[in-house]
C-alpha atoms as a PDB file:
ATOM      1  CA  MET A   1       0.013  -0.002   0.000  1.00  0.00           C
ATOM      2  CA  GLN A   2       1.444   3.330  -1.079  1.00  0.00           C
ATOM      3  CA  THR A   3       1.673   6.066   1.600  1.00  0.00           C
ATOM      4  CA  PHE A   4       2.196   9.729   1.140  1.00  0.00           C
ATOM      5  CA  SER A   5       4.224  11.908   3.544  1.00  0.00           C
ATOM      6  CA  ILE A   6       3.576  15.573   4.249  1.00  0.00           C
ATOM      7  CA  PRO A   7       6.405  17.846   3.196  1.00  0.00           C
ATOM      8  CA  LYS A   8       8.310  19.309   6.131  1.00  0.00           C
ATOM      9  CA  SER A   9       7.985  22.739   4.606  1.00  0.00           C
ATOM     10  CA  LEU A  10       4.158  22.577   5.057  1.00  0.00           C
ATOM     11  CA  LYS A  11       2.749  23.634   8.416  1.00  0.00           C
ATOM     12  CA  GLU A  12       1.287  20.850  10.506  1.00  0.00           C
ATOM     13  CA  ASN A  13      -1.893  22.753  11.473  1.00  0.00           C
ATOM     14  CA  MET A  14      -2.813  24.377   8.198  1.00  0.00           C
ATOM     15  CA  ILE A  15      -5.902  26.605   7.894  1.00  0.00           C
ATOM     16  CA  TYR A  16      -7.459  25.850   4.506  1.00  0.00           C
ATOM     17  CA  THR A  17      -8.640  29.080   2.940  1.00  0.00           C
ATOM     18  CA  PHE A  18      -9.244  28.229  -0.671  1.00  0.00           C
ATOM     19  CA  CYS A  19     -12.521  27.328  -2.459  1.00  0.00           C
ATOM     20  CA  PRO A  20     -13.281  23.656  -3.296  1.00  0.00           C
ATOM     21  CA  GLY A  21     -11.566  22.709  -6.550  1.00  0.00           C
ATOM     22  CA  CYS A  22      -9.079  25.587  -6.496  1.00  0.00           C
ATOM     23  CA  ASP A  23      -5.550  24.631  -7.692  1.00  0.00           C
ATOM     24  CA  HIS A  24      -3.697  26.847  -5.243  1.00  0.00           C
ATOM     25  CA  GLY A  25      -3.411  23.910  -2.778  1.00  0.00           C
ATOM     26  CA  VAL A  26      -1.680  21.817  -5.428  1.00  0.00           C
ATOM     27  CA  ALA A  27       0.755  24.557  -6.408  1.00  0.00           C
ATOM     28  CA  ILE A  28       1.699  25.171  -2.751  1.00  0.00           C
ATOM     29  CA  ARG A  29       2.230  21.480  -2.197  1.00  0.00           C
ATOM     30  CA  LEU A  30       4.711  21.361  -5.189  1.00  0.00           C
ATOM     31  CA  ILE A  31       6.619  24.345  -3.781  1.00  0.00           C
ATOM     32  CA  ALA A  32       6.817  22.598  -0.348  1.00  0.00           C
ATOM     33  CA  GLU A  33       8.093  19.419  -1.937  1.00  0.00           C
ATOM     34  CA  LEU A  34      10.870  21.289  -3.716  1.00  0.00           C
ATOM     35  CA  LEU A  35      11.840  23.318  -0.782  1.00  0.00           C
ATOM     36  CA  ASP A  36      12.318  19.945   1.035  1.00  0.00           C
ATOM     37  CA  GLU A  37      14.162  18.319  -1.911  1.00  0.00           C
ATOM     38  CA  PHE A  38      16.587  21.208  -2.191  1.00  0.00           C
ATOM     39  CA  GLY A  39      16.998  21.551   1.602  1.00  0.00           C
ATOM     40  CA  LEU A  40      15.846  25.198   1.508  1.00  0.00           C
ATOM     41  CA  LYS A  41      13.321  25.263   4.281  1.00  0.00           C
ATOM     42  CA  GLU A  42      15.562  27.021   6.806  1.00  0.00           C
ATOM     43  CA  ASN A  43      17.060  29.309   4.212  1.00  0.00           C
ATOM     44  CA  ALA A  44      13.932  30.483   2.351  1.00  0.00           C
ATOM     45  CA  LEU A  45      12.143  33.780   2.418  1.00  0.00           C
ATOM     46  CA  THR A  46       9.005  34.510   0.483  1.00  0.00           C
ATOM     47  CA  ALA A  47       6.764  37.470  -0.353  1.00  0.00           C
ATOM     48  CA  ALA A  48       3.109  37.114  -1.303  1.00  0.00           C
ATOM     49  CA  SER A  49       0.902  39.942  -2.335  1.00  0.00           C
ATOM     50  CA  VAL A  50      -2.678  40.695  -1.259  1.00  0.00           C
ATOM     51  CA  GLY A  51      -5.107  38.318  -3.082  1.00  0.00           C
ATOM     52  CA  CYS A  52      -5.792  34.606  -2.789  1.00  0.00           C
ATOM     53  CA  SER A  53      -2.062  34.078  -3.015  1.00  0.00           C
ATOM     54  CA  VAL A  54      -1.381  35.906   0.194  1.00  0.00           C
ATOM     55  CA  PHE A  55      -2.720  32.938   2.166  1.00  0.00           C
ATOM     56  CA  LEU A  56       0.589  31.233   1.512  1.00  0.00           C
ATOM     57  CA  TYR A  57       1.601  31.966   5.021  1.00  0.00           C
ATOM     58  CA  ASN A  58      -1.153  29.671   6.276  1.00  0.00           C
ATOM     59  CA  PHE A  59       0.509  26.726   4.504  1.00  0.00           C
ATOM     60  CA  LEU A  60       4.261  27.126   4.109  1.00  0.00           C
ATOM     61  CA  ASP A  61       6.446  26.894   7.215  1.00  0.00           C
ATOM     62  CA  VAL A  62       8.915  29.530   6.031  1.00  0.00           C
ATOM     63  CA  ASP A  63       9.345  33.236   6.759  1.00  0.00           C
ATOM     64  CA  CYS A  64       6.813  35.237   4.652  1.00  0.00           C
ATOM     65  CA  VAL A  65       6.334  38.866   4.013  1.00  0.00           C
ATOM     66  CA  GLU A  66       2.797  40.010   3.236  1.00  0.00           C
ATOM     67  CA  ALA A  67       3.201  42.623   0.513  1.00  0.00           C
ATOM     68  CA  PRO A  68       0.630  45.201  -0.670  1.00  0.00           C
ATOM     69  CA  HIS A  69      -1.189  44.206  -3.814  1.00  0.00           C
ATOM     70  CA  GLY A  70       1.273  44.036  -6.731  1.00  0.00           C
ATOM     71  CA  ARG A  71       4.424  44.779  -4.645  1.00  0.00           C
ATOM     72  CA  ALA A  72       5.606  41.275  -3.911  1.00  0.00           C
ATOM     73  CA  LEU A  73       8.622  41.566  -6.268  1.00  0.00           C
ATOM     74  CA  ALA A  74       9.486  45.006  -4.890  1.00  0.00           C
ATOM     75  CA  CYS A  75       9.525  43.505  -1.396  1.00  0.00           C
ATOM     76  CA  ALA A  76      11.413  40.414  -2.585  1.00  0.00           C
ATOM     77  CA  THR A  77      14.056  42.581  -4.311  1.00  0.00           C
ATOM     78  CA  GLY A  78      14.729  44.370  -1.035  1.00  0.00           C
ATOM     79  CA  ILE A  79      14.950  41.049   0.755  1.00  0.00           C
ATOM     80  CA  LYS A  80      17.333  39.513  -1.731  1.00  0.00           C
ATOM     81  CA  ARG A  81      19.594  42.449  -1.795  1.00  0.00           C
ATOM     82  CA  ALA A  82      19.704  42.696   1.988  1.00  0.00           C
ATOM     83  CA  GLN A  83      20.251  38.948   2.392  1.00  0.00           C
ATOM     84  CA  PRO A  84      21.689  37.617  -0.903  1.00  0.00           C
ATOM     85  CA  ASP A  85      22.530  34.250   0.645  1.00  0.00           C
ATOM     86  CA  LYS A  86      18.798  33.536   1.161  1.00  0.00           C
ATOM     87  CA  PHE A  87      16.560  31.742  -1.291  1.00  0.00           C
ATOM     88  CA  VAL A  88      13.905  34.245  -2.112  1.00  0.00           C
ATOM     89  CA  PHE A  89      10.639  33.634  -3.984  1.00  0.00           C
ATOM     90  CA  THR A  90       7.316  35.222  -4.637  1.00  0.00           C
ATOM     91  CA  TYR A  91       3.862  33.671  -4.924  1.00  0.00           C
ATOM     92  CA  GLN A  92       1.404  35.803  -6.811  1.00  0.00           C
ATOM     93  CA  GLY A  93      -1.782  35.913  -8.756  1.00  0.00           C
ATOM     94  CA  ASP A  94      -2.179  37.109 -12.324  1.00  0.00           C
ATOM     95  CA  GLY A  95      -4.119  40.285 -11.416  1.00  0.00           C
ATOM     96  CA  ASP A  96      -1.428  41.153  -8.852  1.00  0.00           C
ATOM     97  CA  PHE A  97       1.574  40.245 -10.999  1.00  0.00           C
ATOM     98  CA  ALA A  98       0.323  41.573 -14.432  1.00  0.00           C
ATOM     99  CA  SER A  99      -1.813  44.593 -13.536  1.00  0.00           C
ATOM    100  CA  ILE A 100      -1.098  46.739 -10.539  1.00  0.00           C
ATOM    101  CA  GLY A 101       2.339  45.006 -10.169  1.00  0.00           C
ATOM    102  CA  LEU A 102       3.286  44.944 -13.851  1.00  0.00           C
ATOM    103  CA  ALA A 103       6.023  47.532 -13.459  1.00  0.00           C
ATOM    104  CA  GLU A 104       7.538  45.680 -10.405  1.00  0.00           C
ATOM    105  CA  SER A 105       7.367  42.405 -12.257  1.00  0.00           C
ATOM    106  CA  THR A 106       8.885  43.589 -15.608  1.00  0.00           C
ATOM    107  CA  HIS A 107      11.674  45.498 -13.974  1.00  0.00           C
ATOM    108  CA  ALA A 108      12.574  42.677 -11.601  1.00  0.00           C
ATOM    109  CA  ALA A 109      12.917  40.429 -14.647  1.00  0.00           C
ATOM    110  CA  ALA A 110      14.804  43.152 -16.623  1.00  0.00           C
ATOM    111  CA  ARG A 111      17.308  43.602 -13.815  1.00  0.00           C
ATOM    112  CA  GLY A 112      17.799  39.822 -13.585  1.00  0.00           C
ATOM    113  CA  GLU A 113      17.036  39.745  -9.888  1.00  0.00           C
ATOM    114  CA  ALA A 114      17.974  36.352  -8.440  1.00  0.00           C
ATOM    115  CA  ILE A 115      14.435  35.656  -7.436  1.00  0.00           C
ATOM    116  CA  THR A 116      11.911  32.901  -8.298  1.00  0.00           C
ATOM    117  CA  THR A 117       8.309  33.918  -9.019  1.00  0.00           C
ATOM    118  CA  ILE A 118       5.380  31.528  -9.193  1.00  0.00           C
ATOM    119  CA  CYS A 119       2.329  33.179 -10.700  1.00  0.00           C
ATOM    120  CA  ILE A 120      -1.115  31.615 -10.501  1.00  0.00           C
ATOM    121  CA  ASN A 121      -3.226  32.571 -13.546  1.00  0.00           C
ATOM    122  CA  ASN A 122      -6.924  31.998 -13.106  1.00  0.00           C
ATOM    123  CA  THR A 123      -7.824  34.837 -15.645  1.00  0.00           C
ATOM    124  CA  LEU A 124      -9.563  37.070 -13.205  1.00  0.00           C
ATOM    125  CA  TYR A 125      -9.484  38.659  -9.756  1.00  0.00           C
ATOM    126  CA  GLY A 126     -10.472  35.729  -7.492  1.00  0.00           C
ATOM    127  CA  MET A 127     -10.517  37.108  -3.964  1.00  0.00           C
ATOM    128  CA  THR A 128     -12.499  40.239  -4.644  1.00  0.00           C
ATOM    129  CA  GLY A 129     -15.300  38.759  -6.607  1.00  0.00           C
ATOM    130  CA  GLY A 130     -14.287  37.589 -10.091  1.00  0.00           C
ATOM    131  CA  GLN A 131     -13.679  40.849 -11.927  1.00  0.00           C
ATOM    132  CA  LEU A 132     -12.026  41.180 -15.275  1.00  0.00           C
ATOM    133  CA  GLY A 133      -8.256  41.194 -15.062  1.00  0.00           C
ATOM    134  CA  PRO A 134      -5.222  41.533 -17.320  1.00  0.00           C
ATOM    135  CA  THR A 135      -5.383  37.862 -18.334  1.00  0.00           C
ATOM    136  CA  THR A 136      -9.123  37.521 -18.843  1.00  0.00           C
ATOM    137  CA  VAL A 137      -9.615  35.903 -22.235  1.00  0.00           C
ATOM    138  CA  LEU A 138     -11.718  37.331 -25.054  1.00  0.00           C
ATOM    139  CA  ASN A 139     -15.443  36.756 -24.580  1.00  0.00           C
ATOM    140  CA  GLN A 140     -14.960  35.558 -20.985  1.00  0.00           C
ATOM    141  CA  ILE A 141     -17.789  36.657 -18.741  1.00  0.00           C
ATOM    142  CA  THR A 142     -16.780  38.207 -15.382  1.00  0.00           C
ATOM    143  CA  THR A 143     -18.609  40.370 -12.818  1.00  0.00           C
ATOM    144  CA  THR A 144     -17.305  43.494 -14.576  1.00  0.00           C
ATOM    145  CA  SER A 145     -17.605  42.158 -18.139  1.00  0.00           C
ATOM    146  CA  PRO A 146     -21.112  40.615 -18.038  1.00  0.00           C
ATOM    147  CA  HIS A 147     -21.156  40.432 -21.882  1.00  0.00           C
ATOM    148  CA  GLY A 148     -17.677  39.043 -22.138  1.00  0.00           C
ATOM    149  CA  ARG A 149     -14.272  40.605 -22.657  1.00  0.00           C
ATOM    150  CA  ASN A 150     -14.502  42.812 -25.738  1.00  0.00           C
ATOM    151  CA  ARG A 151     -11.329  43.448 -27.764  1.00  0.00           C
ATOM    152  CA  GLU A 152     -12.369  46.959 -28.777  1.00  0.00           C
ATOM    153  CA  TYR A 153     -13.264  47.999 -25.313  1.00  0.00           C
ATOM    154  CA  HIS A 154     -11.093  45.957 -22.968  1.00  0.00           C
ATOM    155  CA  GLY A 155      -8.227  45.137 -25.336  1.00  0.00           C
ATOM    156  CA  PHE A 156      -6.443  41.784 -25.489  1.00  0.00           C
ATOM    157  CA  PRO A 157      -5.285  39.609 -22.578  1.00  0.00           C
ATOM    158  CA  LEU A 158      -1.696  39.931 -21.526  1.00  0.00           C
ATOM    159  CA  LYS A 159       0.588  36.882 -22.131  1.00  0.00           C
ATOM    160  CA  MET A 160       2.810  37.054 -19.138  1.00  0.00           C
ATOM    161  CA  THR A 161       5.311  34.289 -19.795  1.00  0.00           C
ATOM    162  CA  GLU A 162       6.043  35.539 -23.304  1.00  0.00           C
ATOM    163  CA  HIS A 163       6.456  39.035 -21.889  1.00  0.00           C
ATOM    164  CA  ILE A 164       8.797  38.000 -19.044  1.00  0.00           C
ATOM    165  CA  ALA A 165      10.856  35.749 -21.444  1.00  0.00           C
ATOM    166  CA  LEU A 166      11.704  38.811 -23.522  1.00  0.00           C
ATOM    167  CA  CYS A 167      13.532  40.390 -20.628  1.00  0.00           C
ATOM    168  CA  ASP A 168      17.287  39.954 -20.792  1.00  0.00           C
ATOM    169  CA  GLY A 169      17.545  39.275 -17.121  1.00  0.00           C
ATOM    170  CA  THR A 170      15.179  36.361 -17.233  1.00  0.00           C
ATOM    171  CA  ALA A 171      16.939  32.988 -17.009  1.00  0.00           C
ATOM    172  CA  PHE A 172      13.885  30.776 -17.063  1.00  0.00           C
ATOM    173  CA  ALA A 173      10.263  31.311 -18.080  1.00  0.00           C
ATOM    174  CA  ALA A 174       7.628  28.572 -18.514  1.00  0.00           C
ATOM    175  CA  ARG A 175       3.855  28.165 -18.493  1.00  0.00           C
ATOM    176  CA  VAL A 176       2.334  25.043 -17.042  1.00  0.00           C
ATOM    177  CA  SER A 177      -1.072  23.832 -15.789  1.00  0.00           C
ATOM    178  CA  LEU A 178      -2.426  21.685 -12.984  1.00  0.00           C
ATOM    179  CA  ASP A 179      -5.484  20.113 -14.809  1.00  0.00           C
ATOM    180  CA  SER A 180      -4.218  16.501 -14.693  1.00  0.00           C
ATOM    181  CA  PRO A 181      -1.691  14.270 -12.931  1.00  0.00           C
ATOM    182  CA  ALA A 182       0.627  14.449 -15.997  1.00  0.00           C
ATOM    183  CA  ALA A 183       0.392  18.198 -16.039  1.00  0.00           C
ATOM    184  CA  ILE A 184       1.248  18.389 -12.309  1.00  0.00           C
ATOM    185  CA  ILE A 185       4.374  16.371 -12.889  1.00  0.00           C
ATOM    186  CA  LYS A 186       5.389  18.773 -15.689  1.00  0.00           C
ATOM    187  CA  ALA A 187       4.587  21.738 -13.470  1.00  0.00           C
ATOM    188  CA  LYS A 188       6.861  20.484 -10.710  1.00  0.00           C
ATOM    189  CA  LYS A 189       9.713  20.081 -13.204  1.00  0.00           C
ATOM    190  CA  ALA A 190       9.267  23.701 -14.363  1.00  0.00           C
ATOM    191  CA  ILE A 191       9.184  25.057 -10.830  1.00  0.00           C
ATOM    192  CA  LYS A 192      12.331  23.013 -10.085  1.00  0.00           C
ATOM    193  CA  LYS A 193      14.077  24.727 -12.988  1.00  0.00           C
ATOM    194  CA  ALA A 194      13.004  28.109 -11.754  1.00  0.00           C
ATOM    195  CA  PHE A 195      14.487  27.240  -8.356  1.00  0.00           C
ATOM    196  CA  GLU A 196      17.762  26.057  -9.991  1.00  0.00           C
ATOM    197  CA  VAL A 197      18.380  29.243 -11.953  1.00  0.00           C
ATOM    198  CA  GLN A 198      18.298  31.191  -8.704  1.00  0.00           C
ATOM    199  CA  LEU A 199      20.559  28.698  -6.964  1.00  0.00           C
ATOM    200  CA  LYS A 200      23.019  28.873  -9.858  1.00  0.00           C
ATOM    201  CA  GLY A 201      22.881  32.705  -9.918  1.00  0.00           C
ATOM    202  CA  LEU A 202      21.657  32.847 -13.536  1.00  0.00           C
ATOM    203  CA  GLY A 203      18.941  35.485 -13.086  1.00  0.00           C
ATOM    204  CA  PHE A 204      15.187  35.684 -12.710  1.00  0.00           C
ATOM    205  CA  GLY A 205      13.050  32.561 -12.729  1.00  0.00           C
ATOM    206  CA  PHE A 206       9.382  32.570 -13.619  1.00  0.00           C
ATOM    207  CA  VAL A 207       6.584  29.965 -13.811  1.00  0.00           C
ATOM    208  CA  GLU A 208       3.063  30.847 -14.854  1.00  0.00           C
ATOM    209  CA  ILE A 209       0.521  28.223 -13.767  1.00  0.00           C
ATOM    210  CA  LEU A 210      -2.875  28.025 -15.431  1.00  0.00           C
ATOM    211  CA  SER A 211      -5.220  27.399 -12.519  1.00  0.00           C
ATOM    212  CA  SER A 212      -8.922  26.731 -12.041  1.00  0.00           C
ATOM    213  CA  CYS A 213     -11.302  29.048 -10.268  1.00  0.00           C
ATOM    214  CA  PRO A 214     -14.550  27.063  -9.997  1.00  0.00           C
ATOM    215  CA  THR A 215     -16.348  29.594  -7.838  1.00  0.00           C
ATOM    216  CA  ASN A 216     -15.922  32.565 -10.106  1.00  0.00           C
ATOM    217  CA  TRP A 217     -15.941  30.608 -13.381  1.00  0.00           C
ATOM    218  CA  LYS A 218     -19.295  29.138 -12.228  1.00  0.00           C
ATOM    219  CA  MET A 219     -18.027  25.611 -13.029  1.00  0.00           C
ATOM    220  CA  ASN A 220     -17.445  22.451 -11.025  1.00  0.00           C
ATOM    221  CA  PRO A 221     -13.788  21.291 -10.586  1.00  0.00           C
ATOM    222  CA  VAL A 222     -14.048  18.749 -13.524  1.00  0.00           C
ATOM    223  CA  GLU A 223     -15.482  21.399 -15.838  1.00  0.00           C
ATOM    224  CA  SER A 224     -12.817  23.897 -14.738  1.00  0.00           C
ATOM    225  CA  HIS A 225     -10.000  21.558 -15.695  1.00  0.00           C
ATOM    226  CA  LYS A 226     -11.587  20.745 -18.917  1.00  0.00           C
ATOM    227  CA  HIS A 227     -11.853  24.506 -19.601  1.00  0.00           C
ATOM    228  CA  ILE A 228      -8.100  24.914 -19.040  1.00  0.00           C
ATOM    229  CA  ARG A 229      -7.228  21.982 -21.336  1.00  0.00           C
ATOM    230  CA  GLU A 230      -9.696  22.830 -24.134  1.00  0.00           C
ATOM    231  CA  GLU A 231      -9.932  26.613 -24.007  1.00  0.00           C
ATOM    232  CA  LEU A 232      -7.195  28.409 -22.053  1.00  0.00           C
ATOM    233  CA  THR A 233      -4.340  26.591 -23.524  1.00  0.00           C
ATOM    234  CA  LYS A 234      -5.412  27.906 -27.030  1.00  0.00           C
ATOM    235  CA  VAL A 235      -4.800  31.435 -25.699  1.00  0.00           C
ATOM    236  CA  TYR A 236      -1.881  30.491 -23.367  1.00  0.00           C
ATOM    237  CA  PRO A 237       0.166  27.681 -24.886  1.00  0.00           C
ATOM    238  CA  LEU A 238       2.031  25.586 -22.407  1.00  0.00           C
ATOM    239  CA  GLY A 239       5.748  25.130 -22.549  1.00  0.00           C
ATOM    240  CA  THR A 240       9.138  26.572 -21.741  1.00  0.00           C
ATOM    241  CA  PHE A 241       9.750  29.969 -23.429  1.00  0.00           C
ATOM    242  CA  LYS A 242      13.354  30.584 -22.106  1.00  0.00           C
ATOM    243  CA  ASP A 243      15.787  28.378 -20.308  1.00  0.00           C
ATOM    244  CA  LEU A 244      19.438  29.480 -19.772  1.00  0.00           C
ATOM    245  CA  THR A 245      20.190  26.146 -18.041  1.00  0.00           C
ATOM    246  CA  GLU A 246      20.224  24.348 -21.399  1.00  0.00           C
ATOM    247  CA  GLY A 247      23.737  23.321 -22.232  1.00  0.00           C
ATOM    248  CA  LEU A 248      25.044  23.849 -18.746  1.00  0.00           C
END
């Protein structure tokens, strides 16, 4: 009989704060597993911005800074420069990373900050009620786009991984999903690479995770994962867009 151990980097008495079917829990589990595998638990510092992502401190047993909305990478930059020997990462949502925090995100990548960023993309603002965000896809209905995202009025969704990959300071940029066991395995490999580029001092590491939001999408978890596979990946193709570890 197969048994599953709880990563040491997860808190023993976790307070579960996410909606049923949300993929945040899976993403955090992967991060915890890798913190253990790399032996980083005692040397890691993280910053999470206001939003669903900020509940990271309820789960990970590492020191965590709660940043204002969009400012996780600004805080993380200060942390890394003050304590360059620490492993520093941010955990953010797409609205946080790509809207109010877009300047902080872009310039951290452009500077090549030795930081790892995990960004959960559920194509809207999850915590505050499901409003249209920078990654909301065309025709998607949200609480602030009841007739769907309109290209003439709202513009096009922002493709974060492609954007970050263009920055010279970026060492690794990939987009993954968590819609199936196979996808979860690939997601962990990508996050591992993003950890490695920081540990090797190569520059900024970024992983965008397509994640379900059953509550605001008005779908059940099965429908949500099908939506990711059949619809979102058409707009946001999965894969590695930059990897400076190749050939090392």
